[in-house]
Amino acid sequence: MARPIRLRVLTGKLDFAVLAGKLNFAVLAGKLDLPVLAGKLDIAVLVLAEKLDFAGLAEKLDFAISAEKIVFAVSAGKLDFAVSAEKLDFAGFGRKLDLAVSAEKRDFTVSAEKLDLPVLARTLDFAGFDGKTRFCGFSGKTQFCGFGGKT
């Protein structure tokens, strides 16, 4: 499991699979495919592309992304990110999730101890399976399903 992951992407196509130790890089490219095995991951990526696919196994994930489509699958202790995108599909399995997103459509499935979610969006579908969930939604249409002791 990686310690910190920092990912900043302005993108077209980015495929990331990280199980990892230490990675430092900045990239300007049309397509980036990167599987990494390391201990500390620190990524600042400036990529102009059209798809972002990220699968990360890390304790802490911190990133800001501006993209058309983002697909995120993360197993982590702490996830913190802000995203502006048309579509965001997110499946997170971590202890803490801090998420501020401006997007048209978002599908969220989260298994976590703590979820902090301030959202500006038209449609939000959320299914949370945890003991403690905090949710703040600022949108025209919001759908929320919380399965936990505190919602």
N, C-alpha and C. Protein backbone atom coordinates (compact mmCIF):
# COMPACT_ATOMS: atom_id res chain seq x y z
N MET A 1 0.83 -1.19 0.00
CA MET A 1 0.00 0.00 0.00
C MET A 1 0.87 1.25 0.00
N ALA A 2 0.48 2.21 -0.79
CA ALA A 2 1.27 3.42 -0.90
C ALA A 2 0.89 4.40 0.18
N ARG A 3 1.82 5.26 0.53
CA ARG A 3 1.55 6.27 1.55
C ARG A 3 0.72 7.40 0.94
N PRO A 4 1.34 8.40 0.33
CA PRO A 4 0.50 9.44 -0.28
C PRO A 4 0.48 9.32 -1.78
N ILE A 5 -0.67 9.59 -2.34
CA ILE A 5 -0.80 9.68 -3.80
C ILE A 5 -1.31 11.07 -4.11
N ARG A 6 -0.58 11.79 -4.92
CA ARG A 6 -1.02 13.10 -5.34
C ARG A 6 -1.14 13.09 -6.85
N LEU A 7 -2.31 13.42 -7.33
CA LEU A 7 -2.56 13.34 -8.77
C LEU A 7 -3.33 14.56 -9.22
N ARG A 8 -2.71 15.34 -10.10
CA ARG A 8 -3.39 16.47 -10.69
C ARG A 8 -3.38 16.30 -12.19
N VAL A 9 -4.54 16.24 -12.82
CA VAL A 9 -4.61 15.89 -14.23
C VAL A 9 -5.57 16.81 -14.97
N LEU A 10 -5.12 17.35 -16.08
CA LEU A 10 -5.97 18.05 -17.04
C LEU A 10 -5.89 17.20 -18.29
N THR A 11 -6.93 16.40 -18.56
CA THR A 11 -6.66 15.22 -19.33
C THR A 11 -7.56 14.90 -20.48
N GLY A 12 -7.02 14.02 -21.29
CA GLY A 12 -7.73 13.38 -22.36
C GLY A 12 -7.78 11.91 -22.13
N LYS A 13 -6.67 11.26 -22.06
CA LYS A 13 -6.68 9.82 -21.78
C LYS A 13 -5.56 9.47 -20.82
N LEU A 14 -5.91 8.98 -19.70
CA LEU A 14 -4.93 8.60 -18.69
C LEU A 14 -5.37 7.30 -18.04
N ASP A 15 -4.54 6.29 -18.12
CA ASP A 15 -4.81 5.00 -17.49
C ASP A 15 -3.79 4.76 -16.39
N PHE A 16 -4.28 4.64 -15.15
CA PHE A 16 -3.37 4.53 -14.02
C PHE A 16 -3.71 3.30 -13.19
N ALA A 17 -2.74 2.44 -13.01
CA ALA A 17 -2.89 1.33 -12.07
C ALA A 17 -1.69 1.35 -11.15
N VAL A 18 -1.92 1.63 -9.88
CA VAL A 18 -0.81 1.86 -8.96
C VAL A 18 -0.96 0.98 -7.73
N LEU A 19 0.10 0.27 -7.41
CA LEU A 19 0.19 -0.48 -6.16
C LEU A 19 1.49 -0.09 -5.50
N ALA A 20 1.66 1.05 -4.94
CA ALA A 20 2.97 1.51 -4.97
C ALA A 20 3.74 2.30 -4.01
N GLY A 21 5.05 2.36 -4.29
CA GLY A 21 6.09 2.79 -3.39
C GLY A 21 6.49 4.22 -3.57
N LYS A 22 7.15 4.57 -4.61
CA LYS A 22 7.56 5.96 -4.79
C LYS A 22 7.59 6.28 -6.27
N LEU A 23 6.85 7.28 -6.64
CA LEU A 23 6.81 7.70 -8.04
C LEU A 23 6.65 9.21 -8.10
N ASN A 24 7.52 9.85 -8.83
CA ASN A 24 7.47 11.30 -9.03
C ASN A 24 7.57 11.57 -10.51
N PHE A 25 6.54 12.20 -11.08
CA PHE A 25 6.66 12.55 -12.48
C PHE A 25 5.64 13.58 -12.89
N ALA A 26 5.98 14.31 -13.93
CA ALA A 26 5.07 15.28 -14.56
C ALA A 26 5.09 14.99 -16.05
N VAL A 27 3.91 14.87 -16.65
CA VAL A 27 3.84 14.42 -18.03
C VAL A 27 2.91 15.30 -18.84
N LEU A 28 3.33 15.66 -20.02
CA LEU A 28 2.50 16.31 -21.02
C LEU A 28 2.38 15.34 -22.17
N ALA A 29 1.19 14.72 -22.32
CA ALA A 29 1.06 13.67 -23.33
C ALA A 29 -0.38 13.50 -23.72
N GLY A 30 -0.58 12.84 -24.84
CA GLY A 30 -1.94 12.54 -25.28
C GLY A 30 -2.48 11.28 -24.66
N LYS A 31 -1.60 10.32 -24.41
CA LYS A 31 -2.02 9.06 -23.78
C LYS A 31 -0.96 8.61 -22.79
N LEU A 32 -1.40 8.19 -21.64
CA LEU A 32 -0.47 7.73 -20.61
C LEU A 32 -1.01 6.46 -19.97
N ASP A 33 -0.26 5.38 -20.06
CA ASP A 33 -0.58 4.12 -19.39
C ASP A 33 0.52 3.83 -18.39
N LEU A 34 0.16 3.72 -17.13
CA LEU A 34 1.19 3.63 -16.10
C LEU A 34 0.82 2.65 -15.00
N PRO A 35 1.41 1.43 -15.01
CA PRO A 35 1.28 0.54 -13.87
C PRO A 35 2.54 0.65 -13.01
N VAL A 36 2.36 0.86 -11.70
CA VAL A 36 3.50 1.15 -10.84
C VAL A 36 3.45 0.30 -9.58
N LEU A 37 4.58 -0.21 -9.18
CA LEU A 37 4.72 -0.90 -7.90
C LEU A 37 5.73 -0.12 -7.09
N ALA A 38 5.27 0.55 -5.99
CA ALA A 38 6.17 1.38 -5.19
C ALA A 38 5.65 1.56 -3.79
N GLY A 39 6.29 2.46 -3.02
CA GLY A 39 5.88 2.71 -1.64
C GLY A 39 5.30 4.08 -1.43
N LYS A 40 5.82 5.05 -2.14
CA LYS A 40 5.30 6.41 -2.06
C LYS A 40 5.02 6.88 -3.47
N LEU A 41 3.83 7.38 -3.68
CA LEU A 41 3.46 7.87 -5.01
C LEU A 41 3.12 9.34 -4.92
N ASP A 42 3.85 10.14 -5.67
CA ASP A 42 3.63 11.57 -5.75
C ASP A 42 3.54 11.93 -7.21
N ILE A 43 2.34 12.19 -7.72
CA ILE A 43 2.16 12.39 -9.15
C ILE A 43 1.53 13.73 -9.42
N ALA A 44 2.19 14.54 -10.22
CA ALA A 44 1.60 15.76 -10.77
C ALA A 44 1.64 15.61 -12.27
N VAL A 45 0.50 15.41 -12.87
CA VAL A 45 0.44 15.09 -14.29
C VAL A 45 -0.39 16.14 -15.01
N LEU A 46 0.19 16.71 -16.04
CA LEU A 46 -0.55 17.60 -16.93
C LEU A 46 -0.73 16.85 -18.24
N VAL A 47 -1.88 16.25 -18.41
CA VAL A 47 -2.12 15.42 -19.58
C VAL A 47 -3.36 15.93 -20.28
N LEU A 48 -3.24 16.15 -21.59
CA LEU A 48 -4.38 16.57 -22.37
C LEU A 48 -4.89 15.36 -23.13
N ALA A 49 -6.01 14.78 -22.67
CA ALA A 49 -6.56 13.57 -23.26
C ALA A 49 -8.05 13.56 -23.05
N GLU A 50 -8.69 12.40 -23.15
CA GLU A 50 -10.14 12.39 -23.06
C GLU A 50 -10.70 11.36 -22.10
N LYS A 51 -9.88 10.54 -21.52
CA LYS A 51 -10.39 9.54 -20.59
C LYS A 51 -9.41 9.36 -19.45
N LEU A 52 -9.93 9.28 -18.27
CA LEU A 52 -9.10 9.03 -17.10
C LEU A 52 -9.59 7.77 -16.41
N ASP A 53 -8.74 6.77 -16.34
CA ASP A 53 -9.04 5.52 -15.66
C ASP A 53 -8.02 5.32 -14.56
N PHE A 54 -8.47 5.29 -13.32
CA PHE A 54 -7.51 5.19 -12.23
C PHE A 54 -7.92 4.09 -11.27
N ALA A 55 -7.03 3.17 -11.00
CA ALA A 55 -7.23 2.17 -9.97
C ALA A 55 -6.06 2.26 -9.01
N GLY A 56 -6.30 2.73 -7.79
CA GLY A 56 -5.21 2.96 -6.85
C GLY A 56 -5.42 2.22 -5.55
N LEU A 57 -4.38 1.60 -5.06
CA LEU A 57 -4.38 0.98 -3.75
C LEU A 57 -3.40 1.76 -2.90
N ALA A 58 -3.91 2.61 -2.00
CA ALA A 58 -3.03 3.47 -1.24
C ALA A 58 -3.72 3.89 0.04
N GLU A 59 -2.92 4.34 1.00
CA GLU A 59 -3.49 4.80 2.26
C GLU A 59 -4.07 6.19 2.11
N LYS A 60 -3.42 7.02 1.34
CA LYS A 60 -3.90 8.39 1.18
C LYS A 60 -3.87 8.76 -0.29
N LEU A 61 -4.98 9.27 -0.78
CA LEU A 61 -5.07 9.71 -2.17
C LEU A 61 -5.55 11.15 -2.18
N ASP A 62 -4.80 12.01 -2.84
CA ASP A 62 -5.11 13.43 -2.87
C ASP A 62 -4.93 13.92 -4.29
N PHE A 63 -6.01 14.35 -4.94
CA PHE A 63 -5.85 14.83 -6.30
C PHE A 63 -7.00 15.72 -6.73
N ALA A 64 -6.73 16.53 -7.73
CA ALA A 64 -7.74 17.39 -8.34
C ALA A 64 -7.71 17.14 -9.84
N ILE A 65 -8.88 16.93 -10.43
CA ILE A 65 -8.94 16.51 -11.82
C ILE A 65 -10.00 17.29 -12.57
N SER A 66 -9.65 17.70 -13.77
CA SER A 66 -10.59 18.32 -14.69
C SER A 66 -10.58 17.50 -15.96
N ALA A 67 -11.70 16.81 -16.25
CA ALA A 67 -11.72 15.89 -17.38
C ALA A 67 -13.14 15.63 -17.82
N GLU A 68 -13.28 15.03 -18.99
CA GLU A 68 -14.61 14.71 -19.50
C GLU A 68 -15.20 13.49 -18.80
N LYS A 69 -14.42 12.44 -18.72
CA LYS A 69 -14.90 11.22 -18.08
C LYS A 69 -13.86 10.71 -17.10
N ILE A 70 -14.30 10.37 -15.92
CA ILE A 70 -13.38 9.87 -14.90
C ILE A 70 -13.97 8.61 -14.31
N VAL A 71 -13.20 7.55 -14.31
CA VAL A 71 -13.61 6.31 -13.67
C VAL A 71 -12.59 6.01 -12.58
N PHE A 72 -13.07 5.93 -11.34
CA PHE A 72 -12.16 5.79 -10.21
C PHE A 72 -12.53 4.58 -9.38
N ALA A 73 -11.57 3.71 -9.15
CA ALA A 73 -11.74 2.61 -8.21
C ALA A 73 -10.58 2.63 -7.25
N VAL A 74 -10.85 2.88 -5.98
CA VAL A 74 -9.78 3.11 -5.02
C VAL A 74 -10.01 2.30 -3.76
N SER A 75 -8.99 1.61 -3.32
CA SER A 75 -8.96 1.00 -2.00
C SER A 75 -7.94 1.76 -1.19
N ALA A 76 -8.39 2.56 -0.21
CA ALA A 76 -7.46 3.44 0.48
C ALA A 76 -7.98 3.79 1.86
N GLY A 77 -7.06 4.18 2.73
CA GLY A 77 -7.46 4.63 4.06
C GLY A 77 -8.06 6.01 4.03
N LYS A 78 -7.53 6.88 3.19
CA LYS A 78 -8.04 8.24 3.11
C LYS A 78 -8.06 8.68 1.67
N LEU A 79 -9.17 9.21 1.24
CA LEU A 79 -9.30 9.71 -0.12
C LEU A 79 -9.80 11.14 -0.07
N ASP A 80 -9.10 12.04 -0.73
CA ASP A 80 -9.44 13.45 -0.71
C ASP A 80 -9.26 14.00 -2.11
N PHE A 81 -10.32 14.44 -2.75
CA PHE A 81 -10.16 15.02 -4.06
C PHE A 81 -11.32 15.91 -4.46
N ALA A 82 -11.05 16.80 -5.39
CA ALA A 82 -12.05 17.69 -5.96
C ALA A 82 -12.02 17.52 -7.47
N VAL A 83 -13.18 17.34 -8.08
CA VAL A 83 -13.23 16.99 -9.49
C VAL A 83 -14.30 17.82 -10.20
N SER A 84 -13.95 18.33 -11.36
CA SER A 84 -14.91 18.95 -12.26
C SER A 84 -14.97 18.10 -13.52
N ALA A 85 -16.11 17.49 -13.80
CA ALA A 85 -16.17 16.56 -14.92
C ALA A 85 -17.61 16.37 -15.34
N GLU A 86 -17.79 15.86 -16.54
CA GLU A 86 -19.13 15.56 -17.02
C GLU A 86 -19.70 14.33 -16.32
N LYS A 87 -18.91 13.29 -16.26
CA LYS A 87 -19.37 12.05 -15.65
C LYS A 87 -18.30 11.51 -14.72
N LEU A 88 -18.72 11.09 -13.56
CA LEU A 88 -17.79 10.54 -12.59
C LEU A 88 -18.37 9.25 -12.01
N ASP A 89 -17.69 8.14 -12.23
CA ASP A 89 -18.06 6.86 -11.63
C ASP A 89 -17.03 6.54 -10.57
N PHE A 90 -17.50 6.39 -9.35
CA PHE A 90 -16.55 6.22 -8.26
C PHE A 90 -16.92 5.04 -7.38
N ALA A 91 -15.97 4.16 -7.14
CA ALA A 91 -16.14 3.09 -6.16
C ALA A 91 -14.97 3.15 -5.20
N GLY A 92 -15.23 3.55 -3.97
CA GLY A 92 -14.15 3.73 -3.00
C GLY A 92 -14.32 2.85 -1.79
N PHE A 93 -13.26 2.21 -1.40
CA PHE A 93 -13.27 1.36 -0.23
C PHE A 93 -12.20 1.88 0.71
N GLY A 94 -12.55 2.84 1.54
CA GLY A 94 -11.56 3.45 2.42
C GLY A 94 -12.20 3.93 3.70
N ARG A 95 -11.38 4.41 4.60
CA ARG A 95 -11.87 4.84 5.90
C ARG A 95 -12.45 6.24 5.85
N LYS A 96 -11.81 7.13 5.12
CA LYS A 96 -12.27 8.51 5.08
C LYS A 96 -12.34 8.98 3.64
N LEU A 97 -13.45 9.59 3.28
CA LEU A 97 -13.62 10.11 1.93
C LEU A 97 -14.08 11.55 2.01
N ASP A 98 -13.26 12.46 1.50
CA ASP A 98 -13.61 13.87 1.39
C ASP A 98 -13.73 14.18 -0.08
N LEU A 99 -14.90 14.61 -0.50
CA LEU A 99 -15.15 14.76 -1.93
C LEU A 99 -15.96 16.01 -2.21
N ALA A 100 -15.39 16.91 -2.99
CA ALA A 100 -16.11 18.08 -3.48
C ALA A 100 -16.08 18.03 -4.99
N VAL A 101 -17.25 17.95 -5.61
CA VAL A 101 -17.30 17.69 -7.04
C VAL A 101 -18.35 18.58 -7.70
N SER A 102 -18.00 19.14 -8.86
CA SER A 102 -18.95 19.82 -9.72
C SER A 102 -19.05 19.02 -11.01
N ALA A 103 -20.21 18.42 -11.25
CA ALA A 103 -20.34 17.54 -12.41
C ALA A 103 -21.80 17.38 -12.77
N GLU A 104 -22.04 16.91 -13.98
CA GLU A 104 -23.41 16.68 -14.41
C GLU A 104 -24.00 15.42 -13.77
N LYS A 105 -23.25 14.34 -13.85
CA LYS A 105 -23.75 13.07 -13.32
C LYS A 105 -22.67 12.40 -12.49
N ARG A 106 -23.08 11.84 -11.37
CA ARG A 106 -22.13 11.13 -10.53
C ARG A 106 -22.78 9.89 -9.96
N ASP A 107 -22.10 8.78 -10.04
CA ASP A 107 -22.53 7.53 -9.41
C ASP A 107 -21.51 7.18 -8.34
N PHE A 108 -21.98 7.09 -7.10
CA PHE A 108 -21.06 6.89 -5.99
C PHE A 108 -21.42 5.63 -5.23
N THR A 109 -20.44 4.77 -5.06
CA THR A 109 -20.60 3.60 -4.21
C THR A 109 -19.41 3.56 -3.27
N VAL A 110 -19.67 3.70 -1.98
CA VAL A 110 -18.57 3.86 -1.04
C VAL A 110 -18.77 2.94 0.16
N SER A 111 -17.72 2.23 0.52
CA SER A 111 -17.65 1.46 1.74
C SER A 111 -16.60 2.11 2.62
N ALA A 112 -16.99 2.82 3.69
CA ALA A 112 -16.02 3.59 4.45
C ALA A 112 -16.54 3.87 5.85
N GLU A 113 -15.62 4.23 6.74
CA GLU A 113 -16.01 4.61 8.09
C GLU A 113 -16.60 6.01 8.11
N LYS A 114 -15.98 6.92 7.39
CA LYS A 114 -16.41 8.31 7.42
C LYS A 114 -16.49 8.84 6.00
N LEU A 115 -17.57 9.52 5.71
CA LEU A 115 -17.75 10.12 4.38
C LEU A 115 -18.18 11.56 4.53
N ASP A 116 -17.39 12.48 4.00
CA ASP A 116 -17.72 13.90 3.93
C ASP A 116 -17.93 14.25 2.48
N LEU A 117 -19.12 14.71 2.14
CA LEU A 117 -19.44 14.87 0.73
C LEU A 117 -20.21 16.16 0.46
N PRO A 118 -19.50 17.27 0.15
CA PRO A 118 -20.19 18.46 -0.35
C PRO A 118 -20.18 18.42 -1.88
N VAL A 119 -21.35 18.54 -2.49
CA VAL A 119 -21.45 18.31 -3.92
C VAL A 119 -22.27 19.41 -4.59
N LEU A 120 -21.80 19.87 -5.74
CA LEU A 120 -22.54 20.75 -6.63
C LEU A 120 -22.78 19.98 -7.91
N ALA A 121 -24.00 19.49 -8.12
CA ALA A 121 -24.25 18.64 -9.28
C ALA A 121 -25.74 18.57 -9.56
N ARG A 122 -26.08 18.13 -10.74
CA ARG A 122 -27.48 17.96 -11.11
C ARG A 122 -28.05 16.68 -10.54
N THR A 123 -27.33 15.59 -10.71
CA THR A 123 -27.82 14.30 -10.23
C THR A 123 -26.74 13.62 -9.41
N LEU A 124 -27.13 13.14 -8.26
CA LEU A 124 -26.19 12.42 -7.40
C LEU A 124 -26.85 11.13 -6.92
N ASP A 125 -26.26 10.00 -7.28
CA ASP A 125 -26.71 8.70 -6.78
C ASP A 125 -25.66 8.19 -5.82
N PHE A 126 -26.08 7.96 -4.58
CA PHE A 126 -25.10 7.58 -3.57
C PHE A 126 -25.58 6.37 -2.78
N ALA A 127 -24.71 5.39 -2.62
CA ALA A 127 -24.98 4.24 -1.77
C ALA A 127 -23.80 4.08 -0.83
N GLY A 128 -24.01 4.31 0.47
CA GLY A 128 -22.92 4.24 1.43
C GLY A 128 -23.15 3.11 2.42
N PHE A 129 -22.14 2.33 2.65
CA PHE A 129 -22.21 1.23 3.59
C PHE A 129 -21.16 1.47 4.66
N ASP A 130 -21.50 2.23 5.68
CA ASP A 130 -20.54 2.53 6.74
C ASP A 130 -21.28 2.89 8.01
N GLY A 131 -20.52 3.03 9.09
CA GLY A 131 -21.13 3.35 10.37
C GLY A 131 -21.44 4.81 10.54
N LYS A 132 -20.69 5.67 9.88
CA LYS A 132 -20.87 7.11 10.06
C LYS A 132 -20.82 7.79 8.71
N THR A 133 -21.84 8.52 8.37
CA THR A 133 -21.89 9.17 7.06
C THR A 133 -22.38 10.60 7.23
N ARG A 134 -21.64 11.54 6.65
CA ARG A 134 -22.07 12.94 6.61
C ARG A 134 -22.24 13.33 5.16
N PHE A 135 -23.35 13.97 4.86
CA PHE A 135 -23.63 14.30 3.47
C PHE A 135 -24.19 15.71 3.37
N CYS A 136 -23.64 16.50 2.44
CA CYS A 136 -24.15 17.83 2.12
C CYS A 136 -24.30 17.90 0.60
N GLY A 137 -25.51 18.11 0.11
CA GLY A 137 -25.72 18.17 -1.33
C GLY A 137 -26.29 19.51 -1.74
N PHE A 138 -25.69 20.12 -2.75
CA PHE A 138 -26.16 21.38 -3.31
C PHE A 138 -26.44 21.13 -4.78
N SER A 139 -27.65 20.72 -5.12
CA SER A 139 -27.96 20.40 -6.50
C SER A 139 -29.45 20.43 -6.71
N GLY A 140 -29.83 20.44 -7.98
CA GLY A 140 -31.25 20.43 -8.30
C GLY A 140 -31.91 19.11 -7.94
N LYS A 141 -31.23 18.02 -8.22
CA LYS A 141 -31.78 16.69 -7.94
C LYS A 141 -30.74 15.88 -7.18
N THR A 142 -31.11 15.38 -6.03
CA THR A 142 -30.18 14.62 -5.21
C THR A 142 -30.84 13.36 -4.72
N GLN A 143 -30.18 12.23 -4.93
CA GLN A 143 -30.64 10.95 -4.41
C GLN A 143 -29.58 10.42 -3.47
N PHE A 144 -30.00 10.07 -2.26
CA PHE A 144 -29.03 9.61 -1.28
C PHE A 144 -29.55 8.39 -0.54
N CYS A 145 -28.72 7.36 -0.43
CA CYS A 145 -29.05 6.17 0.34
C CYS A 145 -27.91 5.93 1.31
N GLY A 146 -28.19 5.99 2.60
CA GLY A 146 -27.15 5.77 3.60
C GLY A 146 -27.45 4.54 4.42
N PHE A 147 -26.48 3.66 4.54
CA PHE A 147 -26.61 2.46 5.35
C PHE A 147 -25.56 2.54 6.43
N GLY A 148 -25.93 3.03 7.61
CA GLY A 148 -24.96 3.17 8.68
C GLY A 148 -25.63 3.62 9.95
N GLY A 149 -24.82 3.68 11.03
CA GLY A 149 -25.38 4.09 12.30
C GLY A 149 -25.77 5.55 12.33
N LYS A 150 -25.02 6.39 11.64
CA LYS A 150 -25.26 7.83 11.66
C LYS A 150 -25.27 8.35 10.24
N THR A 151 -26.40 8.89 9.80
CA THR A 151 -26.51 9.38 8.44
C THR A 151 -26.98 10.82 8.44
